[in-house]
Amino acid sequence: MSRASRSRIPEIVEPAGKIRRRRPDVLRTIGPGYPNARLEAFDNGNKVTVRVAYGFHHVTNLISLIMLRCGGLDIRLPEPVS
């Protein structure tokens, strides 16, 4: 990081400064060891839920829907008895 910051190439100096400023956030992201694909899937699921919840009157309903979808509950509908 120090070499990149001392560089005279703007394309290298600018990202180095951003990484230095955001270092705690970068380390917090890398630290837990979650694969990026799992985080992207979780984020995509939340975006789909927000689209589904369009028109809800209260944000608490959206939060409840996200918690229900991400909570890991296995809710099955009753099956007809034959």
Protein backbone atom coordinates (compact mmCIF):
# COMPACT_ATOMS: atom_id res chain seq x y z
CA MET A 1 0.00 0.00 0.00
CA SER A 2 2.80 2.42 0.79
CA ARG A 3 4.48 1.80 -2.57
CA ALA A 4 1.22 2.29 -4.39
CA SER A 5 0.55 5.53 -2.49
CA ARG A 6 3.97 6.91 -3.40
CA SER A 7 3.53 6.03 -7.05
CA ARG A 8 3.02 8.92 -9.43
CA ILE A 9 0.49 6.99 -11.51
CA PRO A 10 -3.00 8.32 -10.72
CA GLU A 11 -4.65 4.99 -11.61
CA ILE A 12 -2.66 3.36 -8.81
CA VAL A 13 -2.60 6.18 -6.24
CA GLU A 14 -6.37 6.70 -6.19
CA PRO A 15 -7.39 3.05 -5.48
CA ALA A 16 -4.62 2.78 -2.88
CA GLY A 17 -6.04 5.79 -1.04
CA LYS A 18 -9.56 4.35 -1.18
CA ILE A 19 -8.37 1.01 0.16
CA ARG A 20 -6.44 2.74 2.95
CA ARG A 21 -9.50 4.80 3.93
CA ARG A 22 -11.79 1.76 3.81
CA ARG A 23 -9.33 -0.69 5.38
CA PRO A 24 -11.57 -1.65 8.35
CA ASP A 25 -14.45 -2.37 5.96
CA VAL A 26 -12.22 -4.42 3.67
CA LEU A 27 -10.89 -6.47 6.57
CA ARG A 28 -14.39 -6.95 7.97
CA THR A 29 -15.49 -8.30 4.58
CA ILE A 30 -12.55 -10.66 4.21
CA GLY A 31 -12.47 -11.73 7.86
CA PRO A 32 -15.51 -14.02 8.22
CA GLY A 33 -14.42 -16.21 5.32
CA TYR A 34 -17.78 -16.32 3.58
CA PRO A 35 -17.44 -17.06 -0.12
CA ASN A 36 -18.42 -14.18 -2.37
CA ALA A 37 -20.95 -16.33 -4.24
CA ARG A 38 -22.93 -16.96 -1.05
CA LEU A 39 -23.00 -13.25 -0.20
CA GLU A 40 -24.06 -12.36 -3.75
CA ALA A 41 -26.85 -14.96 -3.62
CA PHE A 42 -28.05 -13.58 -0.29
CA ASP A 43 -28.01 -10.03 -1.69
CA ASN A 44 -29.87 -11.12 -4.82
CA GLY A 45 -32.50 -12.87 -2.71
CA ASN A 46 -33.06 -9.68 -0.75
CA LYS A 47 -33.37 -7.64 -3.95
CA VAL A 48 -35.98 -10.07 -5.28
CA THR A 49 -37.85 -9.85 -1.99
CA VAL A 50 -37.86 -6.05 -2.18
CA ARG A 51 -39.32 -6.26 -5.70
CA VAL A 52 -41.98 -8.70 -4.49
CA ALA A 53 -42.80 -6.41 -1.57
CA TYR A 54 -43.35 -3.38 -3.81
CA GLY A 55 -46.58 -1.77 -2.71
CA PHE A 56 -46.42 -2.83 0.94
CA HIS A 57 -47.69 -0.01 3.10
CA HIS A 58 -45.16 -0.41 5.91
CA VAL A 59 -41.46 -1.20 5.85
CA THR A 60 -41.97 -3.59 8.79
CA ASN A 61 -43.83 -5.90 6.39
CA LEU A 62 -40.79 -5.95 4.09
CA ILE A 63 -38.47 -6.66 7.01
CA SER A 64 -40.73 -9.49 8.15
CA LEU A 65 -40.76 -10.97 4.64
CA ILE A 66 -36.95 -10.83 4.42
CA MET A 67 -36.61 -12.47 7.85
CA LEU A 68 -39.07 -15.17 6.83
CA ARG A 69 -37.25 -15.92 3.57
CA CYS A 70 -33.75 -15.84 5.09
CA GLY A 71 -34.59 -17.46 8.41
CA GLY A 72 -34.15 -21.02 7.19
CA LEU A 73 -37.62 -22.19 8.16
CA ASP A 74 -38.94 -25.08 6.12
CA ILE A 75 -42.61 -24.24 5.78
CA ARG A 76 -44.59 -26.80 3.80
CA LEU A 77 -48.18 -26.59 2.81
CA PRO A 78 -50.45 -29.37 3.96
CA GLU A 79 -50.85 -32.16 1.44
CA PRO A 80 -54.23 -33.70 0.70
CA VAL A 81 -54.84 -37.10 2.26
CA SER A 82 -55.55 -39.72 -0.35
